[in-house]
Amino acid sequence: MRLRFLGAARTVTGSCHLLEVGATRLMVDCGMFQGPRALRENNYRPFMVAPGSVDYVLLTHAHIDHSGLIPKLVKQGFKGRVLTTRATADLCSVMLPDSGHIQEMEVERLNRKAARSGRPPVAPVYTMEDAHRALEYFHPVDYGETVDLNPGISVRFLEAGHILGSALVEVTVREGGQTYKLVFTGDLGERKRPFLKDPAYIDQTDYLIMESTYGDRLHPNGPDHLEILHEVIWDTYRRGGNLIIPAFAVERTQDLIYDLNLLVNSGRFPPMKIYIDSPMAAAATAIFKKHAGIFDEEARNLMAKGQDPLTMAGLTFARTVEESMALNKIKGGAIIIAASGMCEAGRIKHHLKHNLWRPECTVLFVGYQAPGTKGRKIKDGAKFVRIHGEEVFVRAAVRSIDSYSAHADQEDLLDWVGHLRRPPIRVFLVHGEPGPIEVLAGEIARRYGFPVYAPVMGEELLLSTALPATDEELRRAHAQVSARLQDLISRGLARGHYQQIMEQLDNLDVLLQDIQQKAG
């Protein structure tokens, strides 16, 4: 088996991994690169592997940094199958064409400027038509369903709790008389999120390819995010401005509708109108309702009582361009939620252009802002940003609610890893910046003694079941086990977590036996 890291290696975008088992090639995710120009240029470069040689794409979820280059893959020769959950397939049916449309619009604007300056025109990575064609290759599967790709390879999709339809991908390989398991986490979600079930735990895998986006931080334990949202809304209302919320059309927008619904129904909402300026958000909300059967118990119970958390009085979806443009004439008393969540494309840029310079307005960030994005620059205190070629001063209040993150934080990630009953041969940390990767790798090694590696872009590794064999690696493993044992006892006894101590001691016994067997 060979594993190659084609994206999301020491960065948080462009998720793409290639697993080769004999003559079969599996691509796990095929995401678009977002953020700084140096990263986005990867979208225009040839794939590191011939698209026609890929047999399957195993798609963890619909976010564009995981799915966004599938139309390009198909355009350049992919003829295999894209396997993913049913909800993810439905979300991609609106997200990928929307991605193609945004690219066409952005390229059209760029080419108008290029023509005036005598520069050659550019082409989009793919078009809306290309995206619709790519959807023909999607084959939906159910959570927990075992899909045999051939006599030696089977896959399962398990709940990841990140967005609707998101999944861990478990690949089982039978090769050379032995069976190996690889688990790709995709993006893991925070526990107890609206609509979503918690991520499924895995008790054993030989190789773990794990995200590390929030590997160095914890979600804040300050005021409840609903209270912060309430305060921001009233503050903006009293100042007479608009509240502009950049939010991804999928999941984050639905989470906001859920919370705004709670505020409206509790009588804690000022006389402000709520606009969702996104045809895709409208379509995604309908898809959420279609897949209510996979909601968590709390959301299903609300639906059963007739309390639809995605519907409320006064909520307006702006679908057409004309409806969107009309919102720019509103000077105050409006909450406008629009994509993209990092302010890199879409209708949010128009709303920022019309409101960012106005001190009575507020821009509220409710999600991660990748380095180099307009959202990150505004959040970090930039005095002005360039939007559609124009410098726009930042005079609006800038607020953020970090607890809306759909990503598991460091403690959630470590808790998830801690449910492994046997140590994996390797943990590969992907989908993270170098800092968070380094911190999370250190914590995994300290707590659990698992060997961790952070691959670089394009790196290819030959996988085997061999444990570390050198004296230095064995000494290091013993030291990690000892440190982990001391940490477990001190932390566990202090908190009275005796059952957790016993479970982790069982894991330590397995690890020590493996080390001793290798040493012997």
Protein backbone atom coordinates (compact mmCIF):
# COMPACT_ATOMS: atom_id res chain seq x y z
CA MET A 1 0.00 0.00 0.00
CA ARG A 2 1.12 3.51 -0.75
CA LEU A 3 -0.30 6.72 0.65
CA ARG A 4 0.32 10.07 -1.01
CA PHE A 5 -0.65 13.45 0.37
CA LEU A 6 -1.85 15.67 -2.47
CA GLY A 7 -3.41 18.45 -0.39
CA ALA A 8 -4.17 19.72 3.12
CA ALA A 9 -0.61 18.85 4.11
CA ARG A 10 0.51 21.47 6.65
CA THR A 11 -2.31 23.70 5.47
CA VAL A 12 -6.07 23.68 6.07
CA THR A 13 -7.34 23.59 2.50
CA GLY A 14 -7.20 21.41 -0.60
CA SER A 15 -7.86 18.14 1.22
CA CYS A 16 -6.78 15.24 -0.99
CA HIS A 17 -5.08 11.92 -0.23
CA LEU A 18 -4.31 9.07 -2.60
CA LEU A 19 -4.26 5.44 -1.43
CA GLU A 20 -2.85 2.86 -3.82
CA VAL A 21 -3.57 -0.79 -3.17
CA GLY A 22 -2.11 -2.89 -5.95
CA ALA A 23 -3.61 -1.53 -9.17
CA THR A 24 -6.50 0.23 -7.39
CA ARG A 25 -6.30 3.94 -6.68
CA LEU A 26 -8.57 5.55 -4.09
CA MET A 27 -8.66 9.31 -3.69
CA VAL A 28 -10.01 10.48 -0.34
CA ASP A 29 -11.41 13.98 -0.92
CA CYS A 30 -10.56 16.24 -3.83
CA GLY A 31 -10.74 19.71 -2.37
CA MET A 32 -10.13 23.19 -3.65
CA PHE A 33 -7.33 25.30 -2.21
CA GLN A 34 -8.50 28.50 -0.53
CA GLY A 35 -6.78 31.42 1.14
CA PRO A 36 -3.57 33.15 -0.02
CA ARG A 37 -2.85 33.40 -3.72
CA ALA A 38 0.10 31.02 -3.43
CA LEU A 39 -2.28 28.30 -2.24
CA ARG A 40 -5.07 29.13 -4.71
CA GLU A 41 -2.65 28.75 -7.61
CA ASN A 42 -2.63 25.01 -6.87
CA ASN A 43 -6.17 24.88 -8.24
CA TYR A 44 -4.86 25.75 -11.71
CA ARG A 45 -1.94 23.32 -11.72
CA PRO A 46 -2.19 19.77 -13.09
CA PHE A 47 -3.10 17.07 -10.61
CA MET A 48 -0.13 15.19 -9.16
CA VAL A 49 -1.76 11.99 -10.43
CA ALA A 50 -3.48 11.35 -13.75
CA PRO A 51 -7.24 11.76 -13.11
CA GLY A 52 -8.04 8.88 -15.46
CA SER A 53 -5.98 6.51 -13.28
CA VAL A 54 -8.13 7.11 -10.18
CA ASP A 55 -10.78 4.44 -9.62
CA TYR A 56 -12.75 5.93 -6.71
CA VAL A 57 -13.13 9.20 -4.85
CA LEU A 58 -14.22 8.72 -1.24
CA LEU A 59 -15.70 12.07 -0.24
CA THR A 60 -15.88 12.89 3.48
CA HIS A 61 -18.20 15.90 3.18
CA ALA A 62 -19.43 18.66 0.93
CA HIS A 63 -17.29 21.64 1.97
CA ILE A 64 -15.49 23.04 -1.05
CA ASP A 65 -12.02 22.55 0.47
CA HIS A 66 -12.84 18.83 0.42
CA SER A 67 -15.06 18.48 -2.68
CA GLY A 68 -14.32 21.51 -4.82
CA LEU A 69 -11.93 20.02 -7.39
CA ILE A 70 -14.04 16.97 -8.26
CA PRO A 71 -15.43 18.76 -11.36
CA LYS A 72 -11.86 19.47 -12.48
CA LEU A 73 -10.96 15.80 -11.87
CA VAL A 74 -13.88 14.69 -14.06
CA LYS A 75 -13.11 17.33 -16.66
CA GLN A 76 -9.58 15.97 -16.97
CA GLY A 77 -10.47 12.32 -17.36
CA PHE A 78 -11.82 10.71 -14.17
CA LYS A 79 -14.27 7.93 -15.03
CA GLY A 80 -14.67 6.20 -11.69
CA ARG A 81 -17.21 6.58 -8.90
CA VAL A 82 -17.53 9.20 -6.19
CA LEU A 83 -18.77 7.48 -3.05
CA THR A 84 -20.24 9.60 -0.26
CA THR A 85 -23.24 9.82 2.05
CA ARG A 86 -26.65 10.71 0.66
CA ALA A 87 -26.79 14.08 2.39
CA THR A 88 -23.32 14.98 1.10
CA ALA A 89 -24.31 14.06 -2.44
CA ASP A 90 -27.39 16.27 -2.19
CA LEU A 91 -25.38 19.18 -0.77
CA CYS A 92 -22.78 18.83 -3.51
CA SER A 93 -25.58 19.05 -6.06
CA VAL A 94 -25.95 22.72 -5.10
CA MET A 95 -22.47 23.56 -3.78
CA LEU A 96 -20.39 22.41 -6.76
CA PRO A 97 -22.48 24.21 -9.43
CA ASP A 98 -22.41 27.28 -7.20
CA SER A 99 -18.62 27.02 -7.01
CA GLY A 100 -18.46 26.86 -10.81
CA HIS A 101 -20.78 29.86 -11.11
CA ILE A 102 -18.69 31.93 -8.68
CA GLN A 103 -15.55 31.10 -10.65
CA GLU A 104 -17.19 32.15 -13.91
CA MET A 105 -18.30 35.46 -12.39
CA GLU A 106 -14.92 36.18 -10.82
CA VAL A 107 -13.08 35.33 -14.04
CA GLU A 108 -15.46 37.53 -16.06
CA ARG A 109 -14.65 40.46 -13.76
CA LEU A 110 -10.92 39.76 -13.94
CA ASN A 111 -10.99 39.51 -17.72
CA ARG A 112 -12.72 42.87 -18.05
CA LYS A 113 -9.85 44.41 -16.13
CA ALA A 114 -7.30 42.38 -18.09
CA ALA A 115 -8.72 43.59 -21.40
CA ARG A 116 -8.36 47.20 -20.32
CA SER A 117 -4.71 46.67 -19.38
CA GLY A 118 -3.80 44.49 -22.37
CA ARG A 119 -3.26 41.30 -20.37
CA PRO A 120 -4.40 37.88 -21.71
CA PRO A 121 -7.70 36.47 -20.43
CA VAL A 122 -7.87 33.67 -17.87
CA ALA A 123 -10.24 30.70 -17.64
CA PRO A 124 -12.03 29.32 -14.58
CA VAL A 125 -10.82 26.06 -13.06
CA TYR A 126 -14.22 24.70 -14.11
CA THR A 127 -17.63 26.00 -15.03
CA MET A 128 -21.12 25.48 -13.71
CA GLU A 129 -21.71 23.05 -16.59
CA ASP A 130 -18.58 21.09 -15.65
CA ALA A 131 -19.89 20.79 -12.10
CA HIS A 132 -23.27 19.46 -13.21
CA ARG A 133 -21.48 16.88 -15.37
CA ALA A 134 -19.36 15.76 -12.40
CA LEU A 135 -22.47 15.03 -10.33
CA GLU A 136 -23.26 12.14 -12.66
CA TYR A 137 -20.36 10.23 -11.09
CA PHE A 138 -21.73 10.43 -7.53
CA HIS A 139 -22.97 7.21 -5.92
CA PRO A 140 -24.61 7.81 -2.49
CA VAL A 141 -24.27 5.28 0.34
CA ASP A 142 -25.79 5.01 3.82
CA TYR A 143 -23.97 5.59 7.08
CA GLY A 144 -22.56 2.30 8.36
CA GLU A 145 -23.05 0.49 5.04
CA THR A 146 -20.10 -1.69 4.02
CA VAL A 147 -19.29 -1.19 0.35
CA ASP A 148 -17.02 -3.76 -1.32
CA LEU A 149 -14.95 -2.03 -4.00
CA ASN A 150 -13.26 -5.28 -4.99
CA PRO A 151 -12.41 -8.57 -3.22
CA GLY A 152 -9.55 -6.87 -1.34
CA ILE A 153 -10.98 -3.45 -0.42
CA SER A 154 -14.11 -2.35 1.41
CA VAL A 155 -15.16 1.04 2.81
CA ARG A 156 -17.60 2.41 5.38
CA PHE A 157 -18.79 5.93 6.10
CA LEU A 158 -19.39 6.78 9.77
CA GLU A 159 -20.74 9.95 11.39
CA ALA A 160 -18.16 12.75 11.73
CA GLY A 161 -20.44 15.37 13.30
CA HIS A 162 -18.93 18.23 11.27
CA ILE A 163 -21.71 19.21 8.84
CA LEU A 164 -24.80 17.44 7.57
CA GLY A 165 -23.68 14.22 5.87
CA SER A 166 -20.05 14.48 7.00
CA ALA A 167 -18.30 11.19 7.54
CA LEU A 168 -15.22 9.40 8.73
CA VAL A 169 -14.04 7.06 5.99
CA GLU A 170 -12.92 3.62 7.11
CA VAL A 171 -10.99 1.65 4.49
CA THR A 172 -10.33 -2.06 5.07
CA VAL A 173 -7.63 -3.64 2.91
CA ARG A 174 -6.93 -7.37 2.59
CA GLU A 175 -3.47 -7.78 1.13
CA GLY A 176 -0.86 -10.53 1.33
CA GLY A 177 -2.95 -12.64 3.67
CA GLN A 178 -3.32 -9.79 6.16
CA THR A 179 -6.02 -7.24 6.87
CA TYR A 180 -5.28 -3.56 7.46
CA LYS A 181 -7.56 -0.71 8.39
CA LEU A 182 -7.11 2.97 7.55
CA VAL A 183 -9.35 5.70 8.94
CA PHE A 184 -9.58 9.15 7.36
CA THR A 185 -11.34 11.54 9.72
CA GLY A 186 -12.14 14.23 7.18
CA ASP A 187 -13.16 17.06 9.50
CA LEU A 188 -14.31 16.07 12.98
CA GLY A 189 -17.07 18.10 14.56
CA GLU A 190 -17.55 19.48 18.03
CA ARG A 191 -19.86 17.45 20.22
CA LYS A 192 -23.40 18.60 21.06
CA ARG A 193 -23.89 20.71 17.93
CA PRO A 194 -27.35 21.60 16.58
CA PHE A 195 -28.86 19.05 14.19
CA LEU A 196 -25.83 16.73 14.19
CA LYS A 197 -25.03 13.52 15.98
CA ASP A 198 -21.68 13.38 17.76
CA PRO A 199 -18.71 11.91 15.87
CA ALA A 200 -18.52 8.11 15.90
CA TYR A 201 -15.64 6.64 17.85
CA ILE A 202 -13.20 4.18 16.32
CA ASP A 203 -11.69 1.52 18.56
CA GLN A 204 -8.95 0.27 16.22
CA THR A 205 -7.10 1.26 13.09
CA ASP A 206 -3.65 0.59 11.71
CA TYR A 207 -3.28 4.04 10.18
CA LEU A 208 -5.12 7.18 11.20
CA ILE A 209 -5.18 10.19 8.86
CA MET A 210 -6.53 12.90 11.12
CA GLU A 211 -7.41 16.58 10.82
CA SER A 212 -5.70 19.07 13.13
CA THR A 213 -7.34 22.42 12.36
CA TYR A 214 -7.85 23.34 16.02
CA GLY A 215 -4.99 21.24 17.34
CA ASP A 216 -3.56 24.08 19.43
CA ARG A 217 -6.68 25.68 20.87
CA LEU A 218 -9.81 25.14 22.90
CA HIS A 219 -13.22 26.58 22.19
CA PRO A 220 -13.88 29.41 24.64
CA ASN A 221 -15.64 28.68 27.91
CA GLY A 222 -16.89 32.26 28.27
CA PRO A 223 -20.45 33.48 27.78
CA ASP A 224 -22.81 31.23 25.88
CA HIS A 225 -22.69 31.95 22.15
CA LEU A 226 -26.43 32.61 22.13
CA GLU A 227 -25.94 35.37 24.71
CA ILE A 228 -23.15 36.93 22.64
CA LEU A 229 -25.34 36.81 19.53
CA HIS A 230 -28.15 38.46 21.48
CA GLU A 231 -25.83 41.23 22.70
CA VAL A 232 -24.34 41.89 19.23
CA ILE A 233 -27.80 42.11 17.64
CA TRP A 234 -29.09 44.61 20.20
CA ASP A 235 -25.89 46.68 20.09
CA THR A 236 -26.17 47.01 16.31
CA TYR A 237 -29.86 47.78 16.49
CA ARG A 238 -29.30 50.60 19.01
CA ARG A 239 -26.57 52.10 16.78
CA GLY A 240 -28.96 52.08 13.83
CA GLY A 241 -26.84 49.96 11.50
CA ASN A 242 -26.90 46.61 9.77
CA LEU A 243 -25.44 43.39 11.13
CA ILE A 244 -23.44 41.63 8.41
CA ILE A 245 -22.61 37.99 9.06
CA PRO A 246 -20.29 36.17 6.64
CA ALA A 247 -21.33 32.53 6.90
CA PHE A 248 -20.98 29.44 4.81
CA ALA A 249 -24.27 28.60 3.16
CA VAL A 250 -24.13 25.05 4.46
CA GLU A 251 -24.35 24.26 8.18
CA ARG A 252 -23.26 27.61 9.61
CA THR A 253 -26.23 29.44 8.11
CA GLN A 254 -28.60 26.75 9.37
CA ASP A 255 -27.01 26.97 12.84
CA LEU A 256 -27.64 30.71 12.83
CA ILE A 257 -31.26 30.24 11.76
CA TYR A 258 -31.64 27.78 14.63
CA ASP A 259 -30.31 30.29 17.18
CA LEU A 260 -32.16 33.29 15.76
CA ASN A 261 -35.31 31.18 15.97
CA LEU A 262 -34.64 30.62 19.68
CA LEU A 263 -34.22 34.35 20.27
CA VAL A 264 -37.37 35.25 18.33
CA ASN A 265 -39.47 32.61 20.08
CA SER A 266 -38.21 33.73 23.50
CA GLY A 267 -39.19 37.36 22.83
CA ARG A 268 -35.59 38.55 23.05
CA PHE A 269 -35.29 39.91 19.53
CA PRO A 270 -35.42 43.57 18.38
CA PRO A 271 -37.55 44.64 15.38
CA MET A 272 -34.90 43.72 12.83
CA LYS A 273 -35.44 41.86 9.59
CA ILE A 274 -33.40 38.76 8.79
CA TYR A 275 -32.18 38.15 5.25
CA ILE A 276 -30.36 35.06 4.03
CA ASP A 277 -28.73 36.31 0.85
CA SER A 278 -27.85 33.05 -0.81
CA PRO A 279 -29.73 30.81 -3.24
CA MET A 280 -27.44 28.01 -2.11
CA ALA A 281 -28.33 28.56 1.55
CA ALA A 282 -32.00 28.33 0.60
CA ALA A 283 -31.37 25.09 -1.27
CA ALA A 284 -29.19 23.74 1.54
CA THR A 285 -31.88 24.49 4.10
CA ALA A 286 -34.34 22.45 2.03
CA ILE A 287 -31.80 19.61 1.91
CA PHE A 288 -31.48 19.75 5.69
CA LYS A 289 -35.23 19.28 6.01
CA LYS A 290 -35.11 16.40 3.52
CA HIS A 291 -32.52 14.60 5.68
CA ALA A 292 -34.12 15.28 9.05
CA GLY A 293 -33.92 11.53 9.67
CA ILE A 294 -30.18 11.79 10.40
CA PHE A 295 -30.57 14.76 12.79
CA ASP A 296 -29.64 14.24 16.40
CA GLU A 297 -32.32 13.34 18.93
CA GLU A 298 -32.93 16.93 20.09
CA ALA A 299 -33.60 18.25 16.60
CA ARG A 300 -35.77 15.25 15.68
CA ASN A 301 -37.85 15.77 18.80
CA LEU A 302 -38.43 19.43 17.87
CA MET A 303 -39.51 18.42 14.38
CA ALA A 304 -41.85 15.77 15.80
CA LYS A 305 -43.53 18.47 17.94
CA GLY A 306 -44.06 20.67 14.90
CA GLN A 307 -41.39 23.15 16.00
CA ASP A 308 -39.32 23.42 12.84
CA PRO A 309 -35.98 25.00 13.90
CA LEU A 310 -35.35 26.07 10.30
CA THR A 311 -38.53 28.14 9.88
CA MET A 312 -39.63 31.40 11.53
CA ALA A 313 -41.67 34.50 10.84
CA GLY A 314 -39.75 37.38 9.30
CA LEU A 315 -37.08 35.26 7.67
CA THR A 316 -36.47 36.14 4.01
CA PHE A 317 -34.29 34.32 1.49
CA ALA A 318 -32.85 36.57 -1.23
CA ARG A 319 -32.50 34.26 -4.21
CA THR A 320 -32.18 36.50 -7.25
CA VAL A 321 -29.49 39.03 -8.07
CA GLU A 322 -32.09 41.79 -7.97
CA GLU A 323 -33.20 40.79 -4.48
CA SER A 324 -29.58 40.74 -3.34
CA MET A 325 -28.84 44.17 -4.81
CA ALA A 326 -31.91 45.61 -3.11
CA LEU A 327 -30.39 44.75 0.28
CA ASN A 328 -27.53 47.16 -0.39
CA LYS A 329 -30.05 50.00 -0.15
CA ILE A 330 -30.97 49.13 3.43
CA LYS A 331 -29.20 51.52 5.79
CA GLY A 332 -30.16 49.94 9.10
CA GLY A 333 -32.29 47.44 10.98
CA ALA A 334 -31.25 44.38 8.97
CA ILE A 335 -29.36 41.20 9.70
CA ILE A 336 -27.79 40.01 6.45
CA ILE A 337 -26.23 36.56 6.34
CA ALA A 338 -24.32 35.75 3.16
CA ALA A 339 -21.51 33.56 1.86
CA SER A 340 -18.67 33.01 1.61
CA GLY A 341 -17.77 32.52 5.24
CA MET A 342 -14.21 33.79 4.75
CA CYS A 343 -15.27 36.75 2.55
CA GLU A 344 -13.33 35.46 -0.45
CA ALA A 345 -16.17 35.25 -2.95
CA GLY A 346 -19.91 35.49 -3.39
CA ARG A 347 -22.47 38.06 -2.29
CA ILE A 348 -20.87 38.82 1.08
CA LYS A 349 -18.25 40.94 -0.69
CA HIS A 350 -20.95 43.31 -1.95
CA HIS A 351 -22.45 43.66 1.54
CA LEU A 352 -19.05 44.34 3.05
CA LYS A 353 -18.40 46.95 0.38
CA HIS A 354 -21.63 48.77 1.30
CA ASN A 355 -21.43 48.41 5.09
CA LEU A 356 -17.84 47.90 6.22
CA TRP A 357 -17.03 51.62 6.09
CA ARG A 358 -20.07 52.62 8.17
CA PRO A 359 -19.36 52.92 11.95
CA GLU A 360 -22.96 52.18 12.90
CA CYS A 361 -22.76 48.71 11.32
CA THR A 362 -21.29 45.48 12.67
CA VAL A 363 -19.49 42.59 10.97
CA LEU A 364 -19.83 39.39 12.97
CA PHE A 365 -17.57 36.41 12.24
CA VAL A 366 -18.94 33.05 13.28
CA GLY A 367 -16.31 30.73 11.82
CA TYR A 368 -12.66 30.07 11.21
CA GLN A 369 -10.88 32.61 9.00
CA ALA A 370 -7.91 31.09 7.17
CA PRO A 371 -4.67 33.11 6.91
CA GLY A 372 -4.62 35.38 3.88
CA THR A 373 -8.40 35.60 3.48
CA LYS A 374 -10.27 38.89 3.61
CA GLY A 375 -12.13 37.62 6.63
CA ARG A 376 -8.89 36.96 8.50
CA LYS A 377 -7.55 40.42 7.61
CA ILE A 378 -10.71 42.14 8.86
CA LYS A 379 -10.83 40.03 12.02
CA ASP A 380 -7.14 40.75 12.73
CA GLY A 381 -7.76 44.50 12.64
CA ALA A 382 -6.95 45.62 9.10
CA LYS A 383 -7.67 49.32 8.55
CA PHE A 384 -8.88 48.68 5.01
CA VAL A 385 -9.39 45.79 2.61
CA ARG A 386 -9.57 45.61 -1.17
CA ILE A 387 -12.96 44.53 -2.50
CA HIS A 388 -13.61 44.36 -6.25
CA GLY A 389 -10.53 46.46 -6.86
CA GLU A 390 -11.56 49.21 -4.43
CA GLU A 391 -10.01 50.06 -1.05
CA VAL A 392 -12.73 49.96 1.62
CA PHE A 393 -12.01 51.35 5.09
CA VAL A 394 -12.97 49.26 8.10
CA ARG A 395 -15.03 51.51 10.36
CA ALA A 396 -17.75 49.03 11.33
CA ALA A 397 -17.53 47.21 14.64
CA VAL A 398 -15.90 43.81 14.18
CA ARG A 399 -17.05 41.00 16.49
CA SER A 400 -16.64 37.26 16.52
CA ILE A 401 -18.19 34.19 18.11
CA ASP A 402 -15.62 31.42 17.95
CA SER A 403 -17.87 28.80 19.56
CA TYR A 404 -19.78 28.41 16.29
CA SER A 405 -16.87 26.44 14.88
CA ALA A 406 -17.86 23.17 13.24
CA HIS A 407 -14.41 21.77 14.05
CA ALA A 408 -13.51 19.76 17.12
CA ASP A 409 -11.10 21.65 19.35
CA GLN A 410 -7.90 20.22 20.81
CA GLU A 411 -9.60 18.48 23.74
CA ASP A 412 -12.27 16.97 21.48
CA LEU A 413 -9.58 15.69 19.10
CA LEU A 414 -7.57 14.18 21.94
CA ASP A 415 -10.66 12.61 23.46
CA TRP A 416 -11.53 11.06 20.10
CA VAL A 417 -8.04 9.62 19.67
CA GLY A 418 -8.13 8.33 23.25
CA HIS A 419 -10.94 5.91 22.36
CA LEU A 420 -8.57 3.81 20.26
CA ARG A 421 -8.09 0.51 22.07
CA ARG A 422 -4.85 -0.31 20.29
CA PRO A 423 -2.10 2.06 19.19
CA PRO A 424 -2.06 2.73 15.44
CA ILE A 425 1.13 2.15 13.52
CA ARG A 426 1.12 5.82 12.60
CA VAL A 427 -1.07 8.87 13.09
CA PHE A 428 -0.76 11.26 10.16
CA LEU A 429 -1.82 14.80 10.99
CA VAL A 430 -3.27 16.73 8.04
CA HIS A 431 -5.63 19.66 7.44
CA GLY A 432 -3.85 22.00 9.83
CA GLU A 433 -1.32 24.79 9.91
CA PRO A 434 2.20 23.93 11.15
CA GLY A 435 1.66 25.43 14.62
CA PRO A 436 -1.51 23.50 15.51
CA ILE A 437 -0.04 20.32 14.01
CA GLU A 438 3.07 20.57 16.17
CA VAL A 439 1.08 21.17 19.35
CA LEU A 440 -1.42 18.38 18.69
CA ALA A 441 1.34 15.93 17.73
CA GLY A 442 3.09 16.65 21.02
CA GLU A 443 -0.10 16.13 23.01
CA ILE A 444 -0.95 12.85 21.26
CA ALA A 445 2.57 11.55 21.93
CA ARG A 446 2.53 12.74 25.55
CA ARG A 447 -0.90 11.39 26.44
CA TYR A 448 -1.05 8.22 24.42
CA GLY A 449 2.43 7.39 23.16
CA PHE A 450 1.20 7.06 19.58
CA PRO A 451 3.76 7.73 16.82
CA VAL A 452 2.72 10.88 14.93
CA TYR A 453 3.90 12.21 11.60
CA ALA A 454 3.04 15.40 9.67
CA PRO A 455 3.48 14.83 5.91
CA VAL A 456 4.38 17.54 3.43
CA MET A 457 2.57 18.26 0.16
CA GLY A 458 3.18 15.57 -2.43
CA GLU A 459 4.90 13.19 -0.01
CA GLU A 460 4.44 9.49 -0.75
CA LEU A 461 4.85 6.79 1.90
CA LEU A 462 5.00 3.02 1.66
CA LEU A 463 2.77 1.64 4.41
CA SER A 464 3.63 -1.50 6.34
CA THR A 465 2.69 -3.06 9.65
CA ALA A 466 6.21 -2.83 11.02
CA LEU A 467 6.49 -1.12 14.39
CA PRO A 468 9.44 1.17 15.18
CA ALA A 469 12.47 -1.09 15.35
CA THR A 470 15.48 1.04 16.30
CA ASP A 471 16.71 1.17 19.88
CA GLU A 472 16.14 4.93 19.95
CA GLU A 473 12.51 4.56 18.81
CA LEU A 474 11.89 1.85 21.39
CA ARG A 475 13.37 3.97 24.19
CA ARG A 476 11.25 6.90 23.07
CA ALA A 477 8.10 4.74 23.04
CA HIS A 478 8.82 3.48 26.58
CA ALA A 479 9.37 7.06 27.76
CA GLN A 480 6.09 8.18 26.18
CA VAL A 481 4.21 5.34 27.89
CA SER A 482 5.72 6.24 31.28
CA ALA A 483 4.91 9.93 30.88
CA ARG A 484 1.38 9.11 29.78
CA LEU A 485 0.85 6.82 32.77
CA GLN A 486 1.98 9.50 35.21
CA ASP A 487 -0.24 12.07 33.53
CA LEU A 488 -3.26 9.76 33.61
CA ILE A 489 -2.86 9.03 37.28
CA SER A 490 -2.36 12.66 38.31
CA ARG A 491 -5.21 14.00 36.18
CA GLY A 492 -7.55 11.07 36.71
CA LEU A 493 -7.20 10.78 40.46
CA ALA A 494 -7.62 14.53 40.83
CA ARG A 495 -10.93 14.36 38.96
CA GLY A 496 -12.09 10.99 40.23
CA HIS A 497 -12.07 9.49 36.72
CA TYR A 498 -11.24 5.96 37.85
CA GLN A 499 -13.04 4.22 34.99
CA GLN A 500 -11.17 6.29 32.41
CA ILE A 501 -7.88 5.43 34.11
CA MET A 502 -8.64 1.70 33.89
CA GLU A 503 -9.61 1.99 30.21
CA GLN A 504 -6.43 3.84 29.37
CA LEU A 505 -4.33 1.39 31.39
CA ASP A 506 -5.75 -1.38 29.18
CA ASN A 507 -4.56 0.59 26.16
CA LEU A 508 -1.14 1.00 27.77
CA ASP A 509 -0.88 -2.76 28.32
CA VAL A 510 -1.51 -3.33 24.62
CA LEU A 511 1.11 -0.75 23.67
CA LEU A 512 3.72 -2.21 26.02
CA GLN A 513 3.09 -5.71 24.70
CA ASP A 514 3.58 -4.52 21.13
CA ILE A 515 6.81 -2.72 22.05
CA GLN A 516 8.15 -5.71 23.98
CA GLN A 517 7.23 -8.07 21.16
CA LYS A 518 9.09 -5.90 18.67
CA ALA A 519 12.08 -5.52 20.98
CA GLY A 520 12.22 -9.23 21.65
